[in-house]
Amino acid sequence: MSIQNPEEAVMRQHMREEIYDLLRGLDSREKQVMVLRYGFKDNQPKSLAEIGRLFRVSKERVRKIEKKIMIKLRDEGIRRNLSRYMIL
């Protein structure tokens, strides 16, 4: 883990809060997929296959769920102008 300057730490905290706020707009399963896929809780991203095993579906089904979620989040992110976080 690298040492962050205070400004970067605050920016990352705000980004984390905005991400969790966006996730609140998803249904339970979608939220779980995103948290697991990108490691939001434990910083250990899971593969599509790993998530598929947890949900007892194929990795292709997880990929489709993820794609649907990303469309939802992209639209919401655009509305909220979250592009400032894209550089982090």
C-alpha atoms as a PDB file:
ATOM      1  CA  MET A   1       0.000   0.000   0.000  1.00  0.00           C
ATOM      2  CA  SER A   2       1.408   3.396  -0.930  1.00  0.00           C
ATOM      3  CA  ILE A   3       1.444   6.452   1.282  1.00  0.00           C
ATOM      4  CA  GLN A   4      -1.247   8.931   0.251  1.00  0.00           C
ATOM      5  CA  ASN A   5      -1.184  12.651   0.696  1.00  0.00           C
ATOM      6  CA  PRO A   6      -4.151  14.052   2.678  1.00  0.00           C
ATOM      7  CA  GLU A   7      -5.884  15.419  -0.412  1.00  0.00           C
ATOM      8  CA  GLU A   8      -5.719  12.050  -2.176  1.00  0.00           C
ATOM      9  CA  ALA A   9      -6.974  10.257   0.937  1.00  0.00           C
ATOM     10  CA  VAL A  10      -9.987  12.590   1.170  1.00  0.00           C
ATOM     11  CA  MET A  11     -10.688  12.181  -2.547  1.00  0.00           C
ATOM     12  CA  ARG A  12     -10.585   8.383  -2.244  1.00  0.00           C
ATOM     13  CA  GLN A  13     -12.904   8.479   0.778  1.00  0.00           C
ATOM     14  CA  HIS A  14     -15.400  10.606  -1.160  1.00  0.00           C
ATOM     15  CA  MET A  15     -15.107   8.230  -4.112  1.00  0.00           C
ATOM     16  CA  ARG A  16     -15.782   5.231  -1.854  1.00  0.00           C
ATOM     17  CA  GLU A  17     -18.859   6.961  -0.405  1.00  0.00           C
ATOM     18  CA  GLU A  18     -20.155   7.808  -3.892  1.00  0.00           C
ATOM     19  CA  ILE A  19     -19.625   4.208  -5.054  1.00  0.00           C
ATOM     20  CA  TYR A  20     -21.558   2.812  -2.094  1.00  0.00           C
ATOM     21  CA  ASP A  21     -24.267   5.393  -2.715  1.00  0.00           C
ATOM     22  CA  LEU A  22     -24.526   4.176  -6.322  1.00  0.00           C
ATOM     23  CA  LEU A  23     -24.642   0.555  -5.152  1.00  0.00           C
ATOM     24  CA  ARG A  24     -27.662   1.359  -2.998  1.00  0.00           C
ATOM     25  CA  GLY A  25     -29.623   1.758  -6.233  1.00  0.00           C
ATOM     26  CA  LEU A  26     -28.996  -1.884  -7.170  1.00  0.00           C
ATOM     27  CA  ASP A  27     -30.949  -4.905  -6.074  1.00  0.00           C
ATOM     28  CA  SER A  28     -29.367  -7.213  -3.503  1.00  0.00           C
ATOM     29  CA  ARG A  29     -27.887  -9.706  -5.956  1.00  0.00           C
ATOM     30  CA  GLU A  30     -26.459  -6.996  -8.193  1.00  0.00           C
ATOM     31  CA  LYS A  31     -24.882  -5.284  -5.214  1.00  0.00           C
ATOM     32  CA  GLN A  32     -23.308  -8.547  -4.042  1.00  0.00           C
ATOM     33  CA  VAL A  33     -21.896  -9.208  -7.513  1.00  0.00           C
ATOM     34  CA  MET A  34     -20.253  -5.771  -7.636  1.00  0.00           C
ATOM     35  CA  VAL A  35     -18.838  -5.985  -4.118  1.00  0.00           C
ATOM     36  CA  LEU A  36     -17.342  -9.397  -4.854  1.00  0.00           C
ATOM     37  CA  ARG A  37     -16.185  -8.632  -8.393  1.00  0.00           C
ATOM     38  CA  TYR A  38     -14.301  -5.466  -7.474  1.00  0.00           C
ATOM     39  CA  GLY A  39     -13.308  -6.352  -3.899  1.00  0.00           C
ATOM     40  CA  PHE A  40     -15.023  -3.340  -2.334  1.00  0.00           C
ATOM     41  CA  LYS A  41     -15.074  -4.895   1.137  1.00  0.00           C
ATOM     42  CA  ASP A  42     -11.876  -6.933   1.313  1.00  0.00           C
ATOM     43  CA  ASN A  43      -9.752  -5.579  -1.572  1.00  0.00           C
ATOM     44  CA  GLN A  44      -9.807  -9.107  -3.043  1.00  0.00           C
ATOM     45  CA  PRO A  45     -11.621  -8.992  -6.396  1.00  0.00           C
ATOM     46  CA  LYS A  46     -13.243 -12.274  -7.399  1.00  0.00           C
ATOM     47  CA  SER A  47     -13.325 -13.809 -10.860  1.00  0.00           C
ATOM     48  CA  LEU A  48     -16.537 -14.406 -12.771  1.00  0.00           C
ATOM     49  CA  ALA A  49     -16.102 -18.143 -12.137  1.00  0.00           C
ATOM     50  CA  GLU A  50     -15.682 -17.651  -8.377  1.00  0.00           C
ATOM     51  CA  ILE A  51     -18.802 -15.514  -8.185  1.00  0.00           C
ATOM     52  CA  GLY A  52     -20.667 -18.010 -10.351  1.00  0.00           C
ATOM     53  CA  ARG A  53     -19.837 -20.799  -7.920  1.00  0.00           C
ATOM     54  CA  LEU A  54     -21.079 -18.702  -4.990  1.00  0.00           C
ATOM     55  CA  PHE A  55     -24.384 -17.954  -6.734  1.00  0.00           C
ATOM     56  CA  ARG A  56     -24.613 -21.380  -8.401  1.00  0.00           C
ATOM     57  CA  VAL A  57     -24.778 -19.901 -11.900  1.00  0.00           C
ATOM     58  CA  SER A  58     -22.408 -19.938 -14.855  1.00  0.00           C
ATOM     59  CA  LYS A  59     -19.655 -17.382 -15.198  1.00  0.00           C
ATOM     60  CA  GLU A  60     -21.388 -16.256 -18.386  1.00  0.00           C
ATOM     61  CA  ARG A  61     -24.518 -15.454 -16.351  1.00  0.00           C
ATOM     62  CA  VAL A  62     -22.403 -13.422 -13.911  1.00  0.00           C
ATOM     63  CA  ARG A  63     -20.841 -11.585 -16.862  1.00  0.00           C
ATOM     64  CA  LYS A  64     -24.310 -10.684 -18.148  1.00  0.00           C
ATOM     65  CA  ILE A  65     -25.382  -9.479 -14.700  1.00  0.00           C
ATOM     66  CA  GLU A  66     -22.213  -7.395 -14.453  1.00  0.00           C
ATOM     67  CA  LYS A  67     -22.810  -5.879 -17.899  1.00  0.00           C
ATOM     68  CA  LYS A  68     -26.371  -4.914 -16.943  1.00  0.00           C
ATOM     69  CA  ILE A  69     -25.111  -3.351 -13.705  1.00  0.00           C
ATOM     70  CA  MET A  70     -22.403  -1.369 -15.489  1.00  0.00           C
ATOM     71  CA  ILE A  71     -24.980   0.134 -17.844  1.00  0.00           C
ATOM     72  CA  LYS A  72     -27.108   1.171 -14.869  1.00  0.00           C
ATOM     73  CA  LEU A  73     -24.134   2.613 -13.010  1.00  0.00           C
ATOM     74  CA  ARG A  74     -22.749   4.392 -16.060  1.00  0.00           C
ATOM     75  CA  ASP A  75     -26.068   6.141 -16.647  1.00  0.00           C
ATOM     76  CA  GLU A  76     -26.328   7.113 -12.978  1.00  0.00           C
ATOM     77  CA  GLY A  77     -22.673   8.145 -12.872  1.00  0.00           C
ATOM     78  CA  ILE A  78     -23.150  10.424 -15.855  1.00  0.00           C
ATOM     79  CA  ARG A  79     -26.162  12.002 -14.188  1.00  0.00           C
ATOM     80  CA  ARG A  80     -24.088  12.579 -11.051  1.00  0.00           C
ATOM     81  CA  ASN A  81     -20.975  13.654 -12.994  1.00  0.00           C
ATOM     82  CA  LEU A  82     -18.646  11.165 -11.323  1.00  0.00           C
ATOM     83  CA  SER A  83     -16.058  11.455 -14.084  1.00  0.00           C
ATOM     84  CA  ARG A  84     -13.711  13.268 -11.680  1.00  0.00           C
ATOM     85  CA  TYR A  85     -12.914   9.877 -10.114  1.00  0.00           C
ATOM     86  CA  MET A  86     -11.940   8.189 -13.357  1.00  0.00           C
ATOM     87  CA  ILE A  87      -8.292   9.222 -12.952  1.00  0.00           C
ATOM     88  CA  LEU A  88      -7.849   7.446  -9.589  1.00  0.00           C
END
